[in-house]
Amino acid sequence: MQDLLLTPLMMLSALLALAYVFARWRNGRKSAQPRPHGPRYSRPFRRRLKPHRDMRPQRERVLDLHQRGGIFAVTEGAQIAGYSLTELGEVRVDGGAGQEARLKRAAAQRFGAANALVNLRAVREVQQYLSGTGRDGKPLFKSREMHEWRATAVIARPLFADVMPPDSYREDLVLIDGSNVMNWEVDAGTADAPSLRPLTQVLAALKARGVAAGVVFDANAGHRLEGRFMNHDDLAARLPTAADVLVVDKGTQADPVLIDIARAEGLIIISNDHFRDAPSARHLLKQKGFMAGDGVTLLEPRA
């Protein structure tokens, strides 16, 4: 009886030994194959880099954009097609990332009339500096390599009518980018969704100065506000102090309509959008603003 039990156990042990030998042989074949270069991960590597988010308070971000946003071009060339240039002077910043924004900021601070930068270049220089006195009493100098970005600040005046600003602006009427202003509380971090509160505050501030305002909205403004389409009358009823309210047609972008009206009527645009993709808006006066406590602050208009 005991011999009968030992026979199946011996057969099972033999099968397990064969399976072990086969597994070792199979793994050995895999390890002999060339492996692709690069790191290996236990699971697919799907991490995506998040876009940079400016964490400064809204006031600082808007003031910074107001200051440097008027400089529409930074180029390595000495000319800008379609413009006559008047040189103002050279600006410099230390080498490093973000040189374009830093050069714009430096140019705006030093030359208030600058609206473009030309002759952009990276400069490396070796400078000597006094680092003490040697044993013989003579001055001891060391050297260091300096990295800078330099550019020439200019006033660029357009030569063609399609980008020239109006000859004059109306003082009694302005134009508001409604789809932009209704996001000012979201940008300030005080609200999770767009609303008409910033817009009504801007209208109230303008009315106190005796200035009327028209408002232009994207077609999806109502969906963003109340989850449904809202036409001119719907939004005008919620903005009784607006001189006029326009909701562009579905499939139509509001920016070109806004820009065309502002150019034709000589109106300042109230918006924190600088309309960089629209050359026709490049030299129009734009007025930025930000939430300040329970109210709103509007900055001086600037192209």
Foldseek 3Di string as FASTA:
>chain_A
DVVVVVVVVVVVVVVVVVVVVVVVVVVVVVVVDDDDDDDDDPDDDDDDDDDDDDPDAPVVVLVLCQQLVQQQEEELAPDDPQWDKDWDFKDKDFDDPPQVSVRSNRCSVVPVQFRYWYNKDKDKDKDKDFDQADPVRHTDIDIDITIMIMTITIRIAGDDPLQHAAPAADPAEAEEAQQFQQCQCVSNVNDDAGDCQSVLQVLVVQVVVNHAYEYEYEQCPCCRYPNDGDAQVRVCVVRVRHPGYHYDDPPDDRVVVRLVVCRVRRHEYEHSDQPSVDSNSSFGWYWYWHDDVSHIDIDDTGD
